[in-house]
PDB file of N, CA and C in Angstrom:
ATOM      1  N   MET A   1      92.709 152.113  96.217  1.00  0.00           N
ATOM      2  CA  MET A   1      93.703 151.872  96.664  1.00  0.00           C
ATOM      3  C   MET A   1      94.774 153.008  97.319  1.00  0.00           C
ATOM      4  N   PRO A   2      95.225 152.625  98.613  1.00  0.00           N
ATOM      5  CA  PRO A   2      95.926 154.092  99.455  1.00  0.00           C
ATOM      6  C   PRO A   2      96.946 154.402  98.720  1.00  0.00           C
ATOM      7  N   MET A   3      97.481 155.609  99.212  1.00  0.00           N
ATOM      8  CA  MET A   3      98.441 156.667  98.841  1.00  0.00           C
ATOM      9  C   MET A   3      99.401 156.222  99.528  1.00  0.00           C
ATOM     10  N   SER A   4     100.542 155.904  98.839  1.00  0.00           N
ATOM     11  CA  SER A   4     101.844 155.838  99.382  1.00  0.00           C
ATOM     12  C   SER A   4     102.781 157.113  99.647  1.00  0.00           C
ATOM     13  N   PRO A   5     103.063 156.911 101.077  1.00  0.00           N
ATOM     14  CA  PRO A   5     104.034 158.273 101.642  1.00  0.00           C
ATOM     15  C   PRO A   5     104.758 158.908 100.484  1.00  0.00           C
ATOM     16  N   ASP A   6     105.226 157.748  99.559  1.00  0.00           N
ATOM     17  CA  ASP A   6     106.357 158.625  98.772  1.00  0.00           C
ATOM     18  C   ASP A   6     105.966 159.570  97.571  1.00  0.00           C
ATOM     19  N   VAL A   7     104.540 158.706  97.124  1.00  0.00           N
ATOM     20  CA  VAL A   7     103.521 159.522  96.069  1.00  0.00           C
ATOM     21  C   VAL A   7     103.057 160.822  96.811  1.00  0.00           C
ATOM     22  N   LEU A   8     102.826 160.457  97.969  1.00  0.00           N
ATOM     23  CA  LEU A   8     102.342 161.955  98.764  1.00  0.00           C
ATOM     24  C   LEU A   8     103.230 163.328  98.666  1.00  0.00           C
ATOM     25  N   GLU A   9     104.257 162.328  99.320  1.00  0.00           N
ATOM     26  CA  GLU A   9     105.343 163.727  99.451  1.00  0.00           C
ATOM     27  C   GLU A   9     105.974 164.148  98.150  1.00  0.00           C
ATOM     28  N   ALA A  10     105.744 163.502  97.253  1.00  0.00           N
ATOM     29  CA  ALA A  10     106.319 163.765  95.560  1.00  0.00           C
ATOM     30  C   ALA A  10     105.171 164.938  95.111  1.00  0.00           C
ATOM     31  N   ARG A  11     103.677 164.901  95.490  1.00  0.00           N
ATOM     32  CA  ARG A  11     102.931 165.390  94.997  1.00  0.00           C
ATOM     33  C   ARG A  11     103.137 166.946  95.926  1.00  0.00           C
ATOM     34  N   LEU A  12     103.013 166.942  97.009  1.00  0.00           N
ATOM     35  CA  LEU A  12     103.296 167.966  97.857  1.00  0.00           C
ATOM     36  C   LEU A  12     104.566 168.955  97.743  1.00  0.00           C
ATOM     37  N   ASN A  13     105.809 167.887  97.371  1.00  0.00           N
ATOM     38  CA  ASN A  13     106.973 168.848  96.958  1.00  0.00           C
ATOM     39  C   ASN A  13     106.879 169.584  95.500  1.00  0.00           C
ATOM     40  N   ALA A  14     106.016 169.084  94.564  1.00  0.00           N
ATOM     41  CA  ALA A  14     105.802 169.447  93.035  1.00  0.00           C
ATOM     42  C   ALA A  14     104.682 171.064  93.521  1.00  0.00           C
ATOM     43  N   ALA A  15     103.957 170.912  94.667  1.00  0.00           N
ATOM     44  CA  ALA A  15     102.955 171.894  94.922  1.00  0.00           C
ATOM     45  C   ALA A  15     103.989 173.026  95.452  1.00  0.00           C
ATOM     46  N   PHE A  16     104.513 172.603  96.435  1.00  0.00           N
ATOM     47  CA  PHE A  16     105.256 173.574  97.500  1.00  0.00           C
ATOM     48  C   PHE A  16     106.816 173.245  97.295  1.00  0.00           C
ATOM     49  N   PRO A  17     107.277 173.757  95.955  1.00  0.00           N
ATOM     50  CA  PRO A  17     109.002 173.435  95.850  1.00  0.00           C
ATOM     51  C   PRO A  17     109.625 174.340  97.436  1.00  0.00           C
ATOM     52  N   ASP A  18     110.702 174.170  97.600  1.00  0.00           N
ATOM     53  CA  ASP A  18     111.361 174.570  98.508  1.00  0.00           C
ATOM     54  C   ASP A  18     111.012 174.755  99.882  1.00  0.00           C
ATOM     55  N   SER A  19     110.082 173.548 100.207  1.00  0.00           N
ATOM     56  CA  SER A  19     109.293 173.659 101.571  1.00  0.00           C
ATOM     57  C   SER A  19     110.036 172.577 102.290  1.00  0.00           C
ATOM     58  N   GLU A  20     109.665 172.704 103.522  1.00  0.00           N
ATOM     59  CA  GLU A  20     110.157 171.295 104.570  1.00  0.00           C
ATOM     60  C   GLU A  20     108.764 170.404 104.792  1.00  0.00           C
ATOM     61  N   ILE A  21     108.863 169.310 104.033  1.00  0.00           N
ATOM     62  CA  ILE A  21     107.714 168.339 104.525  1.00  0.00           C
ATOM     63  C   ILE A  21     108.143 166.928 105.086  1.00  0.00           C
ATOM     64  N   VAL A  22     107.349 167.234 106.416  1.00  0.00           N
ATOM     65  CA  VAL A  22     107.335 165.743 107.111  1.00  0.00           C
ATOM     66  C   VAL A  22     105.920 165.042 107.296  1.00  0.00           C
ATOM     67  N   LEU A  23     106.089 163.777 106.891  1.00  0.00           N
ATOM     68  CA  LEU A  23     104.771 162.881 106.646  1.00  0.00           C
ATOM     69  C   LEU A  23     104.695 161.933 107.740  1.00  0.00           C
ATOM     70  N   THR A  24     103.446 161.615 108.457  1.00  0.00           N
ATOM     71  CA  THR A  24     103.455 160.674 109.447  1.00  0.00           C
ATOM     72  C   THR A  24     102.250 159.805 109.195  1.00  0.00           C
ATOM     73  N   ASP A  25     102.474 158.631 108.557  1.00  0.00           N
ATOM     74  CA  ASP A  25     101.093 157.715 108.691  1.00  0.00           C
ATOM     75  C   ASP A  25     100.587 157.500 109.997  1.00  0.00           C
ATOM     76  N   LEU A  26      99.309 158.274 110.101  1.00  0.00           N
ATOM     77  CA  LEU A  26      98.519 158.090 111.505  1.00  0.00           C
ATOM     78  C   LEU A  26      98.122 156.560 111.747  1.00  0.00           C
ATOM     79  N   ALA A  27      97.708 155.995 111.091  1.00  0.00           N
ATOM     80  CA  ALA A  27      97.085 154.660 111.128  1.00  0.00           C
ATOM     81  C   ALA A  27      97.737 153.450 110.566  1.00  0.00           C
ATOM     82  N   GLY A  28      98.821 154.235 109.770  1.00  0.00           N
ATOM     83  CA  GLY A  28      99.481 152.638 109.241  1.00  0.00           C
ATOM     84  C   GLY A  28      99.052 152.169 108.215  1.00  0.00           C
ATOM     85  N   ASP A  29      97.857 152.567 107.551  1.00  0.00           N
ATOM     86  CA  ASP A  29      97.130 151.980 106.414  1.00  0.00           C
ATOM     87  C   ASP A  29      97.160 152.867 105.209  1.00  0.00           C
ATOM     88  N   GLY A  30      98.282 153.846 105.009  1.00  0.00           N
ATOM     89  CA  GLY A  30      98.233 154.596 103.829  1.00  0.00           C
ATOM     90  C   GLY A  30      97.224 155.465 103.628  1.00  0.00           C
ATOM     91  N   ASP A  31      95.998 155.376 104.359  1.00  0.00           N
ATOM     92  CA  ASP A  31      94.697 156.477 104.272  1.00  0.00           C
ATOM     93  C   ASP A  31      94.795 157.487 105.067  1.00  0.00           C
ATOM     94  N   HIS A  32      95.502 157.726 105.950  1.00  0.00           N
ATOM     95  CA  HIS A  32      95.279 159.011 107.021  1.00  0.00           C
ATOM     96  C   HIS A  32      97.131 159.093 107.494  1.00  0.00           C
ATOM     97  N   TYR A  33      97.056 160.508 107.066  1.00  0.00           N
ATOM     98  CA  TYR A  33      98.481 160.963 107.136  1.00  0.00           C
ATOM     99  C   TYR A  33      98.296 162.345 107.962  1.00  0.00           C
ATOM    100  N   LYS A  34      99.164 162.694 108.353  1.00  0.00           N
ATOM    101  CA  LYS A  34      99.652 164.087 108.975  1.00  0.00           C
ATOM    102  C   LYS A  34     100.668 164.567 108.154  1.00  0.00           C
ATOM    103  N   ALA A  35     100.504 165.706 107.923  1.00  0.00           N
ATOM    104  CA  ALA A  35     101.638 166.498 107.372  1.00  0.00           C
ATOM    105  C   ALA A  35     101.988 167.751 107.779  1.00  0.00           C
ATOM    106  N   ARG A  36     103.291 167.977 108.004  1.00  0.00           N
ATOM    107  CA  ARG A  36     103.693 169.424 108.602  1.00  0.00           C
ATOM    108  C   ARG A  36     104.437 169.778 107.054  1.00  0.00           C
ATOM    109  N   ILE A  37     103.928 171.195 106.690  1.00  0.00           N
ATOM    110  CA  ILE A  37     104.363 171.890 105.712  1.00  0.00           C
ATOM    111  C   ILE A  37     105.146 173.312 106.211  1.00  0.00           C
ATOM    112  N   VAL A  38     106.304 173.686 105.593  1.00  0.00           N
ATOM    113  CA  VAL A  38     106.630 174.784 106.281  1.00  0.00           C
ATOM    114  C   VAL A  38     107.198 175.432 104.820  1.00  0.00           C
ATOM    115  N   SER A  39     106.437 176.184 104.403  1.00  0.00           N
ATOM    116  CA  SER A  39     106.698 176.648 102.897  1.00  0.00           C
ATOM    117  C   SER A  39     106.461 178.109 102.909  1.00  0.00           C
ATOM    118  N   PRO A  40     107.814 178.650 102.024  1.00  0.00           N
ATOM    119  CA  PRO A  40     107.571 180.335 101.665  1.00  0.00           C
ATOM    120  C   PRO A  40     106.317 180.459 100.927  1.00  0.00           C
ATOM    121  N   ALA A  41     105.413 179.821 100.504  1.00  0.00           N
ATOM    122  CA  ALA A  41     104.117 179.884  99.693  1.00  0.00           C
ATOM    123  C   ALA A  41     103.228 180.137 100.738  1.00  0.00           C
ATOM    124  N   PHE A  42     103.384 179.892 101.938  1.00  0.00           N
ATOM    125  CA  PHE A  42     102.432 180.506 103.150  1.00  0.00           C
ATOM    126  C   PHE A  42     102.704 181.664 103.891  1.00  0.00           C
ATOM    127  N   ARG A  43     103.918 182.158 103.442  1.00  0.00           N
ATOM    128  CA  ARG A  43     103.818 183.635 103.835  1.00  0.00           C
ATOM    129  C   ARG A  43     102.966 184.395 103.722  1.00  0.00           C
ATOM    130  N   GLY A  44     102.586 185.258 104.669  1.00  0.00           N
ATOM    131  CA  GLY A  44     101.612 186.353 104.748  1.00  0.00           C
ATOM    132  C   GLY A  44     100.131 185.723 104.814  1.00  0.00           C
ATOM    133  N   LEU A  45     100.011 184.276 105.031  1.00  0.00           N
ATOM    134  CA  LEU A  45      98.677 183.886 104.622  1.00  0.00           C
ATOM    135  C   LEU A  45      98.094 183.305 106.053  1.00  0.00           C
ATOM    136  N   ASN A  46      96.859 183.297 106.433  1.00  0.00           N
ATOM    137  CA  ASN A  46      96.623 182.622 107.801  1.00  0.00           C
ATOM    138  C   ASN A  46      96.519 181.489 107.219  1.00  0.00           C
ATOM    139  N   ARG A  47      96.177 180.431 108.557  1.00  0.00           N
ATOM    140  CA  ARG A  47      96.029 179.165 108.710  1.00  0.00           C
ATOM    141  C   ARG A  47      94.954 178.523 107.513  1.00  0.00           C
ATOM    142  N   VAL A  48      93.700 179.252 107.652  1.00  0.00           N
ATOM    143  CA  VAL A  48      92.957 178.701 106.937  1.00  0.00           C
ATOM    144  C   VAL A  48      93.488 178.876 105.053  1.00  0.00           C
ATOM    145  N   LYS A  49      93.679 179.700 104.905  1.00  0.00           N
ATOM    146  CA  LYS A  49      94.317 180.225 103.409  1.00  0.00           C
ATOM    147  C   LYS A  49      95.240 179.011 103.243  1.00  0.00           C
ATOM    148  N   GLN A  50      96.189 178.853 104.065  1.00  0.00           N
ATOM    149  CA  GLN A  50      97.561 177.723 103.931  1.00  0.00           C
ATOM    150  C   GLN A  50      97.018 176.472 103.736  1.00  0.00           C
ATOM    151  N   HIS A  51      95.798 175.667 104.294  1.00  0.00           N
ATOM    152  CA  HIS A  51      95.404 174.625 104.527  1.00  0.00           C
ATOM    153  C   HIS A  51      94.323 174.641 102.961  1.00  0.00           C
ATOM    154  N   GLN A  52      93.935 175.597 102.826  1.00  0.00           N
ATOM    155  CA  GLN A  52      92.977 175.726 101.226  1.00  0.00           C
ATOM    156  C   GLN A  52      93.941 175.644 100.111  1.00  0.00           C
ATOM    157  N   MET A  53      95.226 176.057 100.330  1.00  0.00           N
ATOM    158  CA  MET A  53      96.065 175.692  99.214  1.00  0.00           C
ATOM    159  C   MET A  53      96.680 174.075  99.134  1.00  0.00           C
ATOM    160  N   VAL A  54      96.892 173.679 100.442  1.00  0.00           N
ATOM    161  CA  VAL A  54      97.240 172.231 100.211  1.00  0.00           C
ATOM    162  C   VAL A  54      95.938 171.379  99.818  1.00  0.00           C
ATOM    163  N   ASN A  55      94.711 171.418 100.265  1.00  0.00           N
ATOM    164  CA  ASN A  55      93.576 171.080  99.722  1.00  0.00           C
ATOM    165  C   ASN A  55      93.568 171.237  98.299  1.00  0.00           C
ATOM    166  N   ARG A  56      93.564 172.294  97.590  1.00  0.00           N
ATOM    167  CA  ARG A  56      93.561 172.220  96.502  1.00  0.00           C
ATOM    168  C   ARG A  56      94.603 171.618  95.703  1.00  0.00           C
ATOM    169  N   ALA A  57      95.753 171.393  96.124  1.00  0.00           N
ATOM    170  CA  ALA A  57      96.655 170.645  95.436  1.00  0.00           C
ATOM    171  C   ALA A  57      96.634 169.557  95.266  1.00  0.00           C
ATOM    172  N   LEU A  58      95.869 168.793  96.300  1.00  0.00           N
ATOM    173  CA  LEU A  58      95.478 167.364  96.422  1.00  0.00           C
ATOM    174  C   LEU A  58      93.968 166.973  95.858  1.00  0.00           C
ATOM    175  N   ALA A  59      93.375 167.794  95.339  1.00  0.00           N
ATOM    176  CA  ALA A  59      92.068 167.923  95.352  1.00  0.00           C
ATOM    177  C   ALA A  59      91.367 166.569  94.808  1.00  0.00           C
ATOM    178  N   ASP A  60      92.540 166.054  93.731  1.00  0.00           N
ATOM    179  CA  ASP A  60      91.888 164.992  93.009  1.00  0.00           C
ATOM    180  C   ASP A  60      92.143 163.889  93.711  1.00  0.00           C
ATOM    181  N   VAL A  61      92.768 163.404  94.941  1.00  0.00           N
ATOM    182  CA  VAL A  61      93.046 162.622  95.627  1.00  0.00           C
ATOM    183  C   VAL A  61      92.196 162.588  96.916  1.00  0.00           C
ATOM    184  N   LEU A  62      92.006 163.629  97.646  1.00  0.00           N
ATOM    185  CA  LEU A  62      91.187 163.629  98.778  1.00  0.00           C
ATOM    186  C   LEU A  62      89.923 162.952  98.895  1.00  0.00           C
ATOM    187  N   GLY A  63      89.691 162.392 100.025  1.00  0.00           N
ATOM    188  CA  GLY A  63      88.586 161.407  99.660  1.00  0.00           C
ATOM    189  C   GLY A  63      88.126 160.349  99.066  1.00  0.00           C
ATOM    190  N   GLY A  64      89.566 160.024  98.247  1.00  0.00           N
ATOM    191  CA  GLY A  64      89.458 158.713  97.511  1.00  0.00           C
ATOM    192  C   GLY A  64      90.633 158.008  98.241  1.00  0.00           C
ATOM    193  N   GLU A  65      91.842 158.187  97.310  1.00  0.00           N
ATOM    194  CA  GLU A  65      93.097 157.500  97.602  1.00  0.00           C
ATOM    195  C   GLU A  65      93.551 158.099  99.048  1.00  0.00           C
ATOM    196  N   LEU A  66      93.498 159.140  99.193  1.00  0.00           N
ATOM    197  CA  LEU A  66      93.766 159.950 100.502  1.00  0.00           C
ATOM    198  C   LEU A  66      92.796 160.242 101.187  1.00  0.00           C
ATOM    199  N   HIS A  67      92.408 159.056 102.349  1.00  0.00           N
ATOM    200  CA  HIS A  67      90.836 159.426 102.987  1.00  0.00           C
ATOM    201  C   HIS A  67      91.263 160.405 104.105  1.00  0.00           C
ATOM    202  N   ALA A  68      92.027 160.749 104.686  1.00  0.00           N
ATOM    203  CA  ALA A  68      92.189 161.640 105.468  1.00  0.00           C
ATOM    204  C   ALA A  68      93.588 162.326 105.385  1.00  0.00           C
ATOM    205  N   LEU A  69      93.834 163.732 105.923  1.00  0.00           N
ATOM    206  CA  LEU A  69      94.938 164.247 105.742  1.00  0.00           C
ATOM    207  C   LEU A  69      94.956 165.576 106.943  1.00  0.00           C
ATOM    208  N   ALA A  70      95.916 165.370 108.388  1.00  0.00           N
ATOM    209  CA  ALA A  70      95.625 166.536 109.150  1.00  0.00           C
ATOM    210  C   ALA A  70      96.937 167.182 108.834  1.00  0.00           C
ATOM    211  N   LEU A  71      96.664 168.540 108.596  1.00  0.00           N
ATOM    212  CA  LEU A  71      97.618 169.561 108.396  1.00  0.00           C
ATOM    213  C   LEU A  71      98.045 170.245 109.469  1.00  0.00           C
ATOM    214  N   GLU A  72      99.586 170.619 109.424  1.00  0.00           N
ATOM    215  CA  GLU A  72     100.090 171.604 110.258  1.00  0.00           C
ATOM    216  C   GLU A  72     100.887 172.661 109.434  1.00  0.00           C
ATOM    217  N   THR A  73     100.687 173.685 109.234  1.00  0.00           N
ATOM    218  CA  THR A  73     101.448 174.414 108.330  1.00  0.00           C
ATOM    219  C   THR A  73     101.800 175.698 108.769  1.00  0.00           C
ATOM    220  N   ALA A  74     102.828 176.182 107.921  1.00  0.00           N
ATOM    221  CA  ALA A  74     103.400 177.202 108.701  1.00  0.00           C
ATOM    222  C   ALA A  74     104.244 177.970 107.590  1.00  0.00           C
ATOM    223  N   ALA A  75     104.662 179.174 107.625  1.00  0.00           N
ATOM    224  CA  ALA A  75     105.344 179.684 106.630  1.00  0.00           C
ATOM    225  C   ALA A  75     107.199 179.824 107.475  1.00  0.00           C
ATOM    226  N   PRO A  76     108.166 179.619 106.633  1.00  0.00           N
ATOM    227  CA  PRO A  76     109.504 179.695 107.642  1.00  0.00           C
ATOM    228  C   PRO A  76     109.636 180.967 108.293  1.00  0.00           C
ATOM    229  N   ALA A  77     110.229 180.801 109.543  1.00  0.00           N
ATOM    230  CA  ALA A  77     110.632 182.139 110.484  1.00  0.00           C
ATOM    231  C   ALA A  77     111.270 183.041 109.722  1.00  0.00           C
ATOM    232  N   GLU A  78     111.199 184.237 110.050  1.00  0.00           N
ATOM    233  CA  GLU A  78     111.905 185.175 108.937  1.00  0.00           C
ATOM    234  C   GLU A  78     113.084 185.610 109.887  1.00  0.00           C
TER     235      GLU A  78
END
């Protein structure tokens, strides 16, 4: 069963509090999303480390309920 955008956003908000999160359903099927996450948790980390943090937070659903997730991550501007 696909993951609803509300559930995905809630999981990301729980993993990355105080973040700006924008989700886009890329295929309209609840399986392919793009997430833009601007989080203080990413400060000082390169993009690979940022993406690894998101992948760890969603590890139990990636490849299952959540088939594909395109990421755009950043730390807030100083």
